[in-house]
PDB file of N, CA and C in Angstrom:
ATOM      1  N   MET A   1      93.754  62.613  39.021  1.00  0.00           N
ATOM      2  CA  MET A   1      93.575  61.241  39.424  1.00  0.00           C
ATOM      3  C   MET A   1      94.590  60.358  38.690  1.00  0.00           C
ATOM      4  N   THR A   2      95.331  59.589  39.406  1.00  0.00           N
ATOM      5  CA  THR A   2      96.339  58.709  38.808  1.00  0.00           C
ATOM      6  C   THR A   2      95.674  57.414  38.355  1.00  0.00           C
ATOM      7  N   ARG A   3      96.049  56.974  37.177  1.00  0.00           N
ATOM      8  CA  ARG A   3      95.520  55.716  36.671  1.00  0.00           C
ATOM      9  C   ARG A   3      96.273  54.559  37.281  1.00  0.00           C
ATOM     10  N   LYS A   4      95.652  53.386  37.250  1.00  0.00           N
ATOM     11  CA  LYS A   4      96.229  52.190  37.877  1.00  0.00           C
ATOM     12  C   LYS A   4      97.630  51.881  37.340  1.00  0.00           C
ATOM     13  N   THR A   5      97.781  51.845  36.041  1.00  0.00           N
ATOM     14  CA  THR A   5      99.072  51.543  35.433  1.00  0.00           C
ATOM     15  C   THR A   5      99.493  52.729  34.571  1.00  0.00           C
ATOM     16  N   PRO A   6     100.429  53.531  35.034  1.00  0.00           N
ATOM     17  CA  PRO A   6     100.819  54.698  34.239  1.00  0.00           C
ATOM     18  C   PRO A   6     101.497  54.358  32.918  1.00  0.00           C
ATOM     19  N   ILE A   7     102.158  53.186  32.841  1.00  0.00           N
ATOM     20  CA  ILE A   7     102.935  52.862  31.642  1.00  0.00           C
ATOM     21  C   ILE A   7     102.515  51.497  31.093  1.00  0.00           C
ATOM     22  N   LEU A   8     102.194  51.489  29.824  1.00  0.00           N
ATOM     23  CA  LEU A   8     101.875  50.258  29.119  1.00  0.00           C
ATOM     24  C   LEU A   8     102.879  50.201  27.957  1.00  0.00           C
ATOM     25  N   ALA A   9     103.545  49.073  27.810  1.00  0.00           N
ATOM     26  CA  ALA A   9     104.608  48.997  26.800  1.00  0.00           C
ATOM     27  C   ALA A   9     104.442  47.769  25.907  1.00  0.00           C
ATOM     28  N   ALA A  10     104.423  48.003  24.618  1.00  0.00           N
ATOM     29  CA  ALA A  10     104.423  46.944  23.613  1.00  0.00           C
ATOM     30  C   ALA A  10     105.859  46.768  23.144  1.00  0.00           C
ATOM     31  N   VAL A  11     106.627  46.066  23.985  1.00  0.00           N
ATOM     32  CA  VAL A  11     108.059  45.924  23.760  1.00  0.00           C
ATOM     33  C   VAL A  11     108.437  44.460  23.997  1.00  0.00           C
ATOM     34  N   GLU A  12     109.057  43.847  23.005  1.00  0.00           N
ATOM     35  CA  GLU A  12     109.474  42.450  23.116  1.00  0.00           C
ATOM     36  C   GLU A  12     110.924  42.315  23.575  1.00  0.00           C
ATOM     37  N   ASP A  13     111.781  43.220  23.135  1.00  0.00           N
ATOM     38  CA  ASP A  13     113.206  43.148  23.422  1.00  0.00           C
ATOM     39  C   ASP A  13     113.457  43.213  24.925  1.00  0.00           C
ATOM     40  N   LEU A  14     114.089  42.188  25.468  1.00  0.00           N
ATOM     41  CA  LEU A  14     114.289  42.080  26.917  1.00  0.00           C
ATOM     42  C   LEU A  14     115.145  43.201  27.489  1.00  0.00           C
ATOM     43  N   LEU A  15     116.118  43.675  26.744  1.00  0.00           N
ATOM     44  CA  LEU A  15     116.956  44.774  27.232  1.00  0.00           C
ATOM     45  C   LEU A  15     116.136  46.054  27.389  1.00  0.00           C
ATOM     46  N   PHE A  16     115.275  46.350  26.405  1.00  0.00           N
ATOM     47  CA  PHE A  16     114.446  47.553  26.497  1.00  0.00           C
ATOM     48  C   PHE A  16     113.395  47.394  27.586  1.00  0.00           C
ATOM     49  N   ARG A  17     112.814  46.206  27.702  1.00  0.00           N
ATOM     50  CA  ARG A  17     111.829  45.960  28.762  1.00  0.00           C
ATOM     51  C   ARG A  17     112.477  46.181  30.118  1.00  0.00           C
ATOM     52  N   SER A  18     113.668  45.654  30.302  1.00  0.00           N
ATOM     53  CA  SER A  18     114.387  45.787  31.560  1.00  0.00           C
ATOM     54  C   SER A  18     114.667  47.256  31.886  1.00  0.00           C
ATOM     55  N   ARG A  19     115.107  48.009  30.898  1.00  0.00           N
ATOM     56  CA  ARG A  19     115.403  49.433  31.124  1.00  0.00           C
ATOM     57  C   ARG A  19     114.148  50.212  31.504  1.00  0.00           C
ATOM     58  N   ILE A  20     113.071  49.920  30.809  1.00  0.00           N
ATOM     59  CA  ILE A  20     111.811  50.582  31.102  1.00  0.00           C
ATOM     60  C   ILE A  20     111.358  50.222  32.531  1.00  0.00           C
ATOM     61  N   GLN A  21     111.397  48.945  32.853  1.00  0.00           N
ATOM     62  CA  GLN A  21     110.971  48.476  34.172  1.00  0.00           C
ATOM     63  C   GLN A  21     111.802  49.106  35.287  1.00  0.00           C
ATOM     64  N   LYS A  22     113.114  49.069  35.137  1.00  0.00           N
ATOM     65  CA  LYS A  22     114.000  49.612  36.180  1.00  0.00           C
ATOM     66  C   LYS A  22     113.809  51.108  36.338  1.00  0.00           C
ATOM     67  N   THR A  23     113.661  51.829  35.241  1.00  0.00           N
ATOM     68  CA  THR A  23     113.460  53.274  35.319  1.00  0.00           C
ATOM     69  C   THR A  23     112.128  53.589  35.979  1.00  0.00           C
ATOM     70  N   ALA A  24     111.086  52.856  35.591  1.00  0.00           N
ATOM     71  CA  ALA A  24     109.766  53.057  36.194  1.00  0.00           C
ATOM     72  C   ALA A  24     109.814  52.787  37.704  1.00  0.00           C
ATOM     73  N   GLU A  25     110.409  51.681  38.098  1.00  0.00           N
ATOM     74  CA  GLU A  25     110.500  51.335  39.524  1.00  0.00           C
ATOM     75  C   GLU A  25     111.259  52.387  40.310  1.00  0.00           C
ATOM     76  N   ALA A  26     112.346  52.891  39.716  1.00  0.00           N
ATOM     77  CA  ALA A  26     113.139  53.906  40.405  1.00  0.00           C
ATOM     78  C   ALA A  26     112.319  55.177  40.643  1.00  0.00           C
ATOM     79  N   LEU A  27     111.322  55.408  39.806  1.00  0.00           N
ATOM     80  CA  LEU A  27     110.464  56.591  39.941  1.00  0.00           C
ATOM     81  C   LEU A  27     109.159  56.277  40.680  1.00  0.00           C
ATOM     82  N   GLY A  28     109.053  55.047  41.168  1.00  0.00           N
ATOM     83  CA  GLY A  28     107.847  54.664  41.901  1.00  0.00           C
ATOM     84  C   GLY A  28     106.638  54.429  41.015  1.00  0.00           C
ATOM     85  N   LEU A  29     106.877  54.058  39.756  1.00  0.00           N
ATOM     86  CA  LEU A  29     105.803  53.845  38.798  1.00  0.00           C
ATOM     87  C   LEU A  29     105.651  52.359  38.465  1.00  0.00           C
ATOM     88  N   ARG A  30     104.505  52.040  37.947  1.00  0.00           N
ATOM     89  CA  ARG A  30     104.237  50.663  37.518  1.00  0.00           C
ATOM     90  C   ARG A  30     104.181  50.616  35.999  1.00  0.00           C
ATOM     91  N   ALA A  31     104.836  49.620  35.430  1.00  0.00           N
ATOM     92  CA  ALA A  31     104.802  49.397  33.990  1.00  0.00           C
ATOM     93  C   ALA A  31     104.292  47.990  33.718  1.00  0.00           C
ATOM     94  N   GLU A  32     103.473  47.860  32.699  1.00  0.00           N
ATOM     95  CA  GLU A  32     102.977  46.557  32.270  1.00  0.00           C
ATOM     96  C   GLU A  32     103.445  46.280  30.866  1.00  0.00           C
ATOM     97  N   PHE A  33     103.744  44.993  30.616  1.00  0.00           N
ATOM     98  CA  PHE A  33     104.244  44.544  29.332  1.00  0.00           C
ATOM     99  C   PHE A  33     103.386  43.389  28.854  1.00  0.00           C
ATOM    100  N   PRO A  34     102.233  43.653  28.267  1.00  0.00           N
ATOM    101  CA  PRO A  34     101.378  42.542  27.776  1.00  0.00           C
ATOM    102  C   PRO A  34     102.154  41.699  26.775  1.00  0.00           C
ATOM    103  N   ARG A  35     101.927  40.417  26.835  1.00  0.00           N
ATOM    104  CA  ARG A  35     102.612  39.492  25.927  1.00  0.00           C
ATOM    105  C   ARG A  35     101.902  39.370  24.580  1.00  0.00           C
ATOM    106  N   ARG A  36     100.596  39.653  24.595  1.00  0.00           N
ATOM    107  CA  ARG A  36      99.808  39.502  23.373  1.00  0.00           C
ATOM    108  C   ARG A  36      99.175  40.824  22.993  1.00  0.00           C
ATOM    109  N   ARG A  37      99.088  41.037  21.711  1.00  0.00           N
ATOM    110  CA  ARG A  37      98.500  42.250  21.156  1.00  0.00           C
ATOM    111  C   ARG A  37      97.061  42.454  21.638  1.00  0.00           C
ATOM    112  N   GLU A  38      96.291  41.373  21.697  1.00  0.00           N
ATOM    113  CA  GLU A  38      94.894  41.459  22.109  1.00  0.00           C
ATOM    114  C   GLU A  38      94.786  41.943  23.555  1.00  0.00           C
ATOM    115  N   ASN A  39      95.698  41.478  24.409  1.00  0.00           N
ATOM    116  CA  ASN A  39      95.701  41.911  25.810  1.00  0.00           C
ATOM    117  C   ASN A  39      96.042  43.405  25.915  1.00  0.00           C
ATOM    118  N   LEU A  40      96.958  43.844  25.088  1.00  0.00           N
ATOM    119  CA  LEU A  40      97.333  45.247  25.089  1.00  0.00           C
ATOM    120  C   LEU A  40      96.135  46.112  24.686  1.00  0.00           C
ATOM    121  N   LEU A  41      95.448  45.726  23.631  1.00  0.00           N
ATOM    122  CA  LEU A  41      94.270  46.483  23.183  1.00  0.00           C
ATOM    123  C   LEU A  41      93.179  46.495  24.264  1.00  0.00           C
ATOM    124  N   GLU A  42      92.985  45.363  24.896  1.00  0.00           N
ATOM    125  CA  GLU A  42      91.975  45.271  25.943  1.00  0.00           C
ATOM    126  C   GLU A  42      92.304  46.213  27.100  1.00  0.00           C
ATOM    127  N   THR A  43      93.570  46.236  27.498  1.00  0.00           N
ATOM    128  CA  THR A  43      93.995  47.116  28.583  1.00  0.00           C
ATOM    129  C   THR A  43      93.856  48.571  28.186  1.00  0.00           C
ATOM    130  N   LEU A  44      94.215  48.909  26.952  1.00  0.00           N
ATOM    131  CA  LEU A  44      94.056  50.291  26.492  1.00  0.00           C
ATOM    132  C   LEU A  44      92.606  50.737  26.585  1.00  0.00           C
ATOM    133  N   ARG A  45      91.694  49.848  26.237  1.00  0.00           N
ATOM    134  CA  ARG A  45      90.273  50.197  26.234  1.00  0.00           C
ATOM    135  C   ARG A  45      89.662  50.235  27.620  1.00  0.00           C
ATOM    136  N   SER A  46      90.095  49.345  28.507  1.00  0.00           N
ATOM    137  CA  SER A  46      89.477  49.244  29.824  1.00  0.00           C
ATOM    138  C   SER A  46      90.136  50.133  30.873  1.00  0.00           C
ATOM    139  N   SER A  47      91.425  50.361  30.771  1.00  0.00           N
ATOM    140  CA  SER A  47      92.163  51.125  31.764  1.00  0.00           C
ATOM    141  C   SER A  47      93.329  51.836  31.093  1.00  0.00           C
ATOM    142  N   PRO A  48      93.052  52.884  30.335  1.00  0.00           N
ATOM    143  CA  PRO A  48      94.108  53.551  29.575  1.00  0.00           C
ATOM    144  C   PRO A  48      95.253  54.045  30.462  1.00  0.00           C
ATOM    145  N   PRO A  49      96.474  53.858  30.030  1.00  0.00           N
ATOM    146  CA  PRO A  49      97.630  54.320  30.802  1.00  0.00           C
ATOM    147  C   PRO A  49      97.885  55.812  30.549  1.00  0.00           C
ATOM    148  N   ASP A  50      98.828  56.364  31.252  1.00  0.00           N
ATOM    149  CA  ASP A  50      99.281  57.721  30.971  1.00  0.00           C
ATOM    150  C   ASP A  50     100.188  57.725  29.742  1.00  0.00           C
ATOM    151  N   LEU A  51     100.945  56.640  29.593  1.00  0.00           N
ATOM    152  CA  LEU A  51     101.949  56.556  28.525  1.00  0.00           C
ATOM    153  C   LEU A  51     101.918  55.172  27.893  1.00  0.00           C
ATOM    154  N   LEU A  52     101.899  55.151  26.582  1.00  0.00           N
ATOM    155  CA  LEU A  52     102.025  53.923  25.808  1.00  0.00           C
ATOM    156  C   LEU A  52     103.350  53.978  25.090  1.00  0.00           C
ATOM    157  N   ILE A  53     104.196  52.983  25.342  1.00  0.00           N
ATOM    158  CA  ILE A  53     105.510  52.901  24.679  1.00  0.00           C
ATOM    159  C   ILE A  53     105.438  51.790  23.652  1.00  0.00           C
ATOM    160  N   LEU A  54     105.838  52.107  22.432  1.00  0.00           N
ATOM    161  CA  LEU A  54     105.787  51.137  21.338  1.00  0.00           C
ATOM    162  C   LEU A  54     107.165  50.917  20.715  1.00  0.00           C
ATOM    163  N   ASP A  55     107.555  49.657  20.591  1.00  0.00           N
ATOM    164  CA  ASP A  55     108.695  49.310  19.754  1.00  0.00           C
ATOM    165  C   ASP A  55     108.101  49.247  18.348  1.00  0.00           C
ATOM    166  N   LEU A  56     108.345  50.254  17.563  1.00  0.00           N
ATOM    167  CA  LEU A  56     107.699  50.374  16.258  1.00  0.00           C
ATOM    168  C   LEU A  56     108.134  49.304  15.277  1.00  0.00           C
ATOM    169  N   ASP A  57     109.153  48.562  15.605  1.00  0.00           N
ATOM    170  CA  ASP A  57     109.652  47.502  14.733  1.00  0.00           C
ATOM    171  C   ASP A  57     109.179  46.112  15.179  1.00  0.00           C
ATOM    172  N   SER A  58     108.185  46.072  16.060  1.00  0.00           N
ATOM    173  CA  SER A  58     107.728  44.805  16.627  1.00  0.00           C
ATOM    174  C   SER A  58     106.766  44.050  15.722  1.00  0.00           C
ATOM    175  N   PRO A  59     107.152  42.855  15.279  1.00  0.00           N
ATOM    176  CA  PRO A  59     106.253  42.061  14.446  1.00  0.00           C
ATOM    177  C   PRO A  59     105.076  41.487  15.254  1.00  0.00           C
ATOM    178  N   ARG A  60     105.278  41.244  16.524  1.00  0.00           N
ATOM    179  CA  ARG A  60     104.218  40.673  17.360  1.00  0.00           C
ATOM    180  C   ARG A  60     103.081  41.679  17.574  1.00  0.00           C
ATOM    181  N   PHE A  61     103.419  42.924  17.871  1.00  0.00           N
ATOM    182  CA  PHE A  61     102.385  43.916  18.203  1.00  0.00           C
ATOM    183  C   PHE A  61     101.882  44.705  16.997  1.00  0.00           C
ATOM    184  N   ARG A  62     102.619  44.666  15.880  1.00  0.00           N
ATOM    185  CA  ARG A  62     102.233  45.422  14.685  1.00  0.00           C
ATOM    186  C   ARG A  62     101.720  46.827  15.073  1.00  0.00           C
ATOM    187  N   PRO A  63     102.617  47.665  15.586  1.00  0.00           N
ATOM    188  CA  PRO A  63     102.234  48.940  16.200  1.00  0.00           C
ATOM    189  C   PRO A  63     101.415  49.891  15.314  1.00  0.00           C
ATOM    190  N   LEU A  64     101.704  49.961  14.032  1.00  0.00           N
ATOM    191  CA  LEU A  64     100.940  50.875  13.188  1.00  0.00           C
ATOM    192  C   LEU A  64      99.470  50.454  13.112  1.00  0.00           C
ATOM    193  N   GLU A  65      99.247  49.169  12.963  1.00  0.00           N
ATOM    194  CA  GLU A  65      97.881  48.649  12.967  1.00  0.00           C
ATOM    195  C   GLU A  65      97.247  48.844  14.333  1.00  0.00           C
ATOM    196  N   LEU A  66      98.034  48.610  15.376  1.00  0.00           N
ATOM    197  CA  LEU A  66      97.553  48.742  16.735  1.00  0.00           C
ATOM    198  C   LEU A  66      97.062  50.171  16.997  1.00  0.00           C
ATOM    199  N   LEU A  67      97.819  51.158  16.544  1.00  0.00           N
ATOM    200  CA  LEU A  67      97.416  52.558  16.719  1.00  0.00           C
ATOM    201  C   LEU A  67      96.073  52.830  16.040  1.00  0.00           C
ATOM    202  N   ARG A  68      95.889  52.295  14.847  1.00  0.00           N
ATOM    203  CA  ARG A  68      94.622  52.508  14.139  1.00  0.00           C
ATOM    204  C   ARG A  68      93.479  51.793  14.847  1.00  0.00           C
ATOM    205  N   GLU A  69      93.728  50.574  15.299  1.00  0.00           N
ATOM    206  CA  GLU A  69      92.692  49.800  15.979  1.00  0.00           C
ATOM    207  C   GLU A  69      92.299  50.420  17.320  1.00  0.00           C
ATOM    208  N   ALA A  70      93.263  50.943  18.039  1.00  0.00           N
ATOM    209  CA  ALA A  70      92.977  51.498  19.370  1.00  0.00           C
ATOM    210  C   ALA A  70      92.089  52.731  19.274  1.00  0.00           C
ATOM    211  N   GLY A  71      92.232  53.514  18.224  1.00  0.00           N
ATOM    212  CA  GLY A  71      91.380  54.668  17.983  1.00  0.00           C
ATOM    213  C   GLY A  71      91.181  55.553  19.203  1.00  0.00           C
ATOM    214  N   ASP A  72      89.907  55.729  19.609  1.00  0.00           N
ATOM    215  CA  ASP A  72      89.557  56.625  20.708  1.00  0.00           C
ATOM    216  C   ASP A  72      90.116  56.186  22.052  1.00  0.00           C
ATOM    217  N   ALA A  73      90.488  54.937  22.192  1.00  0.00           N
ATOM    218  CA  ALA A  73      91.072  54.456  23.453  1.00  0.00           C
ATOM    219  C   ALA A  73      92.381  55.171  23.771  1.00  0.00           C
ATOM    220  N   LEU A  74      92.980  55.800  22.764  1.00  0.00           N
ATOM    221  CA  LEU A  74      94.241  56.511  22.963  1.00  0.00           C
ATOM    222  C   LEU A  74      94.033  57.981  23.330  1.00  0.00           C
ATOM    223  N   SER A  75      92.796  58.408  23.418  1.00  0.00           N
ATOM    224  CA  SER A  75      92.510  59.782  23.788  1.00  0.00           C
ATOM    225  C   SER A  75      93.081  60.070  25.174  1.00  0.00           C
ATOM    226  N   GLY A  76      93.940  61.052  25.259  1.00  0.00           N
ATOM    227  CA  GLY A  76      94.562  61.409  26.529  1.00  0.00           C
ATOM    228  C   GLY A  76      95.778  60.573  26.896  1.00  0.00           C
ATOM    229  N   VAL A  77      96.151  59.636  26.041  1.00  0.00           N
ATOM    230  CA  VAL A  77      97.313  58.792  26.290  1.00  0.00           C
ATOM    231  C   VAL A  77      98.478  59.298  25.443  1.00  0.00           C
ATOM    232  N   GLU A  78      99.608  59.566  26.092  1.00  0.00           N
ATOM    233  CA  GLU A  78     100.793  59.948  25.324  1.00  0.00           C
ATOM    234  C   GLU A  78     101.369  58.678  24.705  1.00  0.00           C
ATOM    235  N   VAL A  79     101.673  58.732  23.410  1.00  0.00           N
ATOM    236  CA  VAL A  79     102.207  57.572  22.702  1.00  0.00           C
ATOM    237  C   VAL A  79     103.620  57.909  22.231  1.00  0.00           C
ATOM    238  N   VAL A  80     104.580  57.109  22.715  1.00  0.00           N
ATOM    239  CA  VAL A  80     105.985  57.279  22.354  1.00  0.00           C
ATOM    240  C   VAL A  80     106.446  55.989  21.693  1.00  0.00           C
ATOM    241  N   GLY A  81     107.049  56.140  20.533  1.00  0.00           N
ATOM    242  CA  GLY A  81     107.563  54.975  19.825  1.00  0.00           C
ATOM    243  C   GLY A  81     109.061  55.117  19.585  1.00  0.00           C
ATOM    244  N   PHE A  82     109.734  53.979  19.599  1.00  0.00           N
ATOM    245  CA  PHE A  82     111.161  54.000  19.244  1.00  0.00           C
ATOM    246  C   PHE A  82     111.384  53.063  18.075  1.00  0.00           C
ATOM    247  N   VAL A  83     112.409  53.391  17.295  1.00  0.00           N
ATOM    248  CA  VAL A  83     112.639  52.732  16.021  1.00  0.00           C
ATOM    249  C   VAL A  83     114.145  52.691  15.740  1.00  0.00           C
ATOM    250  N   PRO A  84     114.607  51.665  15.029  1.00  0.00           N
ATOM    251  CA  PRO A  84     116.019  51.682  14.612  1.00  0.00           C
ATOM    252  C   PRO A  84     116.262  52.936  13.754  1.00  0.00           C
ATOM    253  N   HIS A  85     117.397  53.574  13.939  1.00  0.00           N
ATOM    254  CA  HIS A  85     117.661  54.837  13.243  1.00  0.00           C
ATOM    255  C   HIS A  85     117.631  54.699  11.713  1.00  0.00           C
ATOM    256  N   VAL A  86     117.785  53.505  11.198  1.00  0.00           N
ATOM    257  CA  VAL A  86     117.782  53.309   9.756  1.00  0.00           C
ATOM    258  C   VAL A  86     116.365  53.197   9.172  1.00  0.00           C
ATOM    259  N   ARG A  87     115.353  53.244  10.020  1.00  0.00           N
ATOM    260  CA  ARG A  87     113.981  53.057   9.563  1.00  0.00           C
ATOM    261  C   ARG A  87     113.185  54.379   9.566  1.00  0.00           C
ATOM    262  N   GLY A  88     113.680  55.352   8.819  1.00  0.00           N
ATOM    263  CA  GLY A  88     112.997  56.627   8.706  1.00  0.00           C
ATOM    264  C   GLY A  88     111.602  56.505   8.151  1.00  0.00           C
ATOM    265  N   ASP A  89     111.388  55.541   7.256  1.00  0.00           N
ATOM    266  CA  ASP A  89     110.069  55.308   6.688  1.00  0.00           C
ATOM    267  C   ASP A  89     109.081  54.884   7.768  1.00  0.00           C
ATOM    268  N   LEU A  90     109.516  54.067   8.680  1.00  0.00           N
ATOM    269  CA  LEU A  90     108.670  53.599   9.772  1.00  0.00           C
ATOM    270  C   LEU A  90     108.356  54.743  10.738  1.00  0.00           C
ATOM    271  N   ALA A  91     109.313  55.587  11.000  1.00  0.00           N
ATOM    272  CA  ALA A  91     109.111  56.743  11.868  1.00  0.00           C
ATOM    273  C   ALA A  91     108.046  57.674  11.274  1.00  0.00           C
ATOM    274  N   THR A  92     108.123  57.937   9.997  1.00  0.00           N
ATOM    275  CA  THR A  92     107.142  58.787   9.341  1.00  0.00           C
ATOM    276  C   THR A  92     105.749  58.180   9.387  1.00  0.00           C
ATOM    277  N   ALA A  93     105.657  56.890   9.106  1.00  0.00           N
ATOM    278  CA  ALA A  93     104.365  56.185   9.149  1.00  0.00           C
ATOM    279  C   ALA A  93     103.786  56.207  10.556  1.00  0.00           C
ATOM    280  N   ALA A  94     104.630  56.074  11.562  1.00  0.00           N
ATOM    281  CA  ALA A  94     104.148  56.066  12.953  1.00  0.00           C
ATOM    282  C   ALA A  94     103.571  57.426  13.333  1.00  0.00           C
ATOM    283  N   ARG A  95     104.233  58.489  12.912  1.00  0.00           N
ATOM    284  CA  ARG A  95     103.696  59.834  13.191  1.00  0.00           C
ATOM    285  C   ARG A  95     102.335  60.008  12.544  1.00  0.00           C
ATOM    286  N   ARG A  96     102.220  59.554  11.321  1.00  0.00           N
ATOM    287  CA  ARG A  96     100.929  59.654  10.600  1.00  0.00           C
ATOM    288  C   ARG A  96      99.851  58.823  11.285  1.00  0.00           C
ATOM    289  N   ALA A  97     100.225  57.708  11.895  1.00  0.00           N
ATOM    290  CA  ALA A  97      99.264  56.795  12.545  1.00  0.00           C
ATOM    291  C   ALA A  97      98.836  57.275  13.936  1.00  0.00           C
ATOM    292  N   GLY A  98      99.529  58.316  14.460  1.00  0.00           N
ATOM    293  CA  GLY A  98      99.108  58.866  15.744  1.00  0.00           C
ATOM    294  C   GLY A  98     100.124  58.796  16.854  1.00  0.00           C
ATOM    295  N   CYS A  99     101.348  58.420  16.545  1.00  0.00           N
ATOM    296  CA  CYS A  99     102.396  58.368  17.563  1.00  0.00           C
ATOM    297  C   CYS A  99     102.823  59.810  17.873  1.00  0.00           C
ATOM    298  N   ASP A 100     102.737  60.205  19.146  1.00  0.00           N
ATOM    299  CA  ASP A 100     103.061  61.579  19.525  1.00  0.00           C
ATOM    300  C   ASP A 100     104.539  61.897  19.386  1.00  0.00           C
ATOM    301  N   ARG A 101     105.381  60.961  19.801  1.00  0.00           N
ATOM    302  CA  ARG A 101     106.835  61.134  19.706  1.00  0.00           C
ATOM    303  C   ARG A 101     107.442  59.875  19.134  1.00  0.00           C
ATOM    304  N   VAL A 102     108.338  60.067  18.180  1.00  0.00           N
ATOM    305  CA  VAL A 102     109.077  58.944  17.596  1.00  0.00           C
ATOM    306  C   VAL A 102     110.545  59.288  17.715  1.00  0.00           C
ATOM    307  N   MET A 103     111.308  58.321  18.252  1.00  0.00           N
ATOM    308  CA  MET A 103     112.734  58.567  18.407  1.00  0.00           C
ATOM    309  C   MET A 103     113.545  57.315  18.098  1.00  0.00           C
ATOM    310  N   ALA A 104     114.788  57.537  17.783  1.00  0.00           N
ATOM    311  CA  ALA A 104     115.705  56.418  17.559  1.00  0.00           C
ATOM    312  C   ALA A 104     115.894  55.679  18.888  1.00  0.00           C
ATOM    313  N   ARG A 105     116.250  54.415  18.795  1.00  0.00           N
ATOM    314  CA  ARG A 105     116.406  53.579  19.998  1.00  0.00           C
ATOM    315  C   ARG A 105     117.378  54.210  21.012  1.00  0.00           C
ATOM    316  N   GLY A 106     118.495  54.690  20.534  1.00  0.00           N
ATOM    317  CA  GLY A 106     119.485  55.300  21.430  1.00  0.00           C
ATOM    318  C   GLY A 106     118.938  56.517  22.149  1.00  0.00           C
ATOM    319  N   ALA A 107     118.233  57.369  21.423  1.00  0.00           N
ATOM    320  CA  ALA A 107     117.646  58.555  22.024  1.00  0.00           C
ATOM    321  C   ALA A 107     116.569  58.173  23.031  1.00  0.00           C
ATOM    322  N   PHE A 108     115.809  57.126  22.735  1.00  0.00           N
ATOM    323  CA  PHE A 108     114.780  56.657  23.651  1.00  0.00           C
ATOM    324  C   PHE A 108     115.406  56.255  24.991  1.00  0.00           C
ATOM    325  N   VAL A 109     116.461  55.464  24.940  1.00  0.00           N
ATOM    326  CA  VAL A 109     117.128  55.016  26.164  1.00  0.00           C
ATOM    327  C   VAL A 109     117.660  56.219  26.943  1.00  0.00           C
ATOM    328  N   GLU A 110     118.249  57.160  26.232  1.00  0.00           N
ATOM    329  CA  GLU A 110     118.826  58.334  26.868  1.00  0.00           C
ATOM    330  C   GLU A 110     117.753  59.209  27.531  1.00  0.00           C
ATOM    331  N   GLU A 111     116.605  59.340  26.878  1.00  0.00           N
ATOM    332  CA  GLU A 111     115.544  60.225  27.376  1.00  0.00           C
ATOM    333  C   GLU A 111     114.507  59.525  28.255  1.00  0.00           C
ATOM    334  N   LEU A 112     114.638  58.232  28.443  1.00  0.00           N
ATOM    335  CA  LEU A 112     113.650  57.470  29.215  1.00  0.00           C
ATOM    336  C   LEU A 112     113.381  58.053  30.607  1.00  0.00           C
ATOM    337  N   PRO A 113     114.388  58.383  31.391  1.00  0.00           N
ATOM    338  CA  PRO A 113     114.090  58.941  32.706  1.00  0.00           C
ATOM    339  C   PRO A 113     113.241  60.217  32.640  1.00  0.00           C
ATOM    340  N   SER A 114     113.525  61.098  31.705  1.00  0.00           N
ATOM    341  CA  SER A 114     112.734  62.321  31.607  1.00  0.00           C
ATOM    342  C   SER A 114     111.341  62.047  31.056  1.00  0.00           C
ATOM    343  N   LEU A 115     111.207  61.044  30.205  1.00  0.00           N
ATOM    344  CA  LEU A 115     109.881  60.672  29.676  1.00  0.00           C
ATOM    345  C   LEU A 115     108.967  60.191  30.805  1.00  0.00           C
ATOM    346  N   LEU A 116     109.547  59.448  31.752  1.00  0.00           N
ATOM    347  CA  LEU A 116     108.748  58.847  32.809  1.00  0.00           C
ATOM    348  C   LEU A 116     108.623  59.716  34.054  1.00  0.00           C
ATOM    349  N   SER A 117     109.497  60.703  34.207  1.00  0.00           N
ATOM    350  CA  SER A 117     109.575  61.446  35.468  1.00  0.00           C
ATOM    351  C   SER A 117     108.308  62.172  35.873  1.00  0.00           C
ATOM    352  N   GLY A 118     107.503  62.628  34.942  1.00  0.00           N
ATOM    353  CA  GLY A 118     106.307  63.364  35.308  1.00  0.00           C
ATOM    354  C   GLY A 118     105.048  62.536  35.392  1.00  0.00           C
ATOM    355  N   LEU A 119     105.148  61.235  35.102  1.00  0.00           N
ATOM    356  CA  LEU A 119     103.960  60.389  35.096  1.00  0.00           C
ATOM    357  C   LEU A 119     103.450  60.155  36.508  1.00  0.00           C
ATOM    358  N   GLY A 120     102.132  60.008  36.609  1.00  0.00           N
ATOM    359  CA  GLY A 120     101.506  59.697  37.882  1.00  0.00           C
ATOM    360  C   GLY A 120     101.354  60.918  38.770  1.00  0.00           C
ATOM    361  N   THR A 121     101.714  62.095  38.230  1.00  0.00           N
ATOM    362  CA  THR A 121     101.520  63.334  38.970  1.00  0.00           C
ATOM    363  C   THR A 121     100.702  64.284  38.121  1.00  0.00           C
ATOM    364  N   ASP A 122     100.114  65.271  38.746  1.00  0.00           N
ATOM    365  CA  ASP A 122      99.342  66.274  37.998  1.00  0.00           C
ATOM    366  C   ASP A 122     100.240  67.053  37.051  1.00  0.00           C
ATOM    367  N   GLU A 123     101.494  67.275  37.445  1.00  0.00           N
ATOM    368  CA  GLU A 123     102.399  68.028  36.581  1.00  0.00           C
ATOM    369  C   GLU A 123     102.714  67.289  35.288  1.00  0.00           C
ATOM    370  N   GLY A 124     102.679  65.956  35.342  1.00  0.00           N
ATOM    371  CA  GLY A 124     103.016  65.149  34.172  1.00  0.00           C
ATOM    372  C   GLY A 124     101.871  64.955  33.215  1.00  0.00           C
ATOM    373  N   ARG A 125     100.685  65.421  33.573  1.00  0.00           N
ATOM    374  CA  ARG A 125      99.503  65.206  32.733  1.00  0.00           C
ATOM    375  C   ARG A 125      99.275  66.372  31.789  1.00  0.00           C
ATOM    376  N   ALA A 126      99.093  66.051  30.545  1.00  0.00           N
ATOM    377  CA  ALA A 126      98.704  67.061  29.563  1.00  0.00           C
ATOM    378  C   ALA A 126      97.203  67.293  29.716  1.00  0.00           C
ATOM    379  N   THR A 127      96.800  68.536  29.697  1.00  0.00           N
ATOM    380  CA  THR A 127      95.357  68.826  29.820  1.00  0.00           C
ATOM    381  C   THR A 127      94.856  69.555  28.614  1.00  0.00           C
TER     382      THR A 127
END
């Protein structure tokens, strides 16, 4: 069963938002970009996506705290975070907080099509 919104993204940077949106649309997927942290948490709890994308350096969303707060709402949700390559400390903390994949910004952009390609299908779901 496909969820209403396969991709939920806590991303402020307009260039990254645009890349995510365009890639999702090209694959026939829907992505949402809540503007407020509270809205993101509410959506996670009420209608969990297939994929949560986090800009781990976001002061607005405070992703490490968000991961802890979301708790069980993240069950079955793949969590991918991207980080500036100079922030190895943040990458380590994100993995400890429950981020499934952490990658540098450049690698995230490069791998975005493959990250999204299996969403919304049975093949893309981890069981």
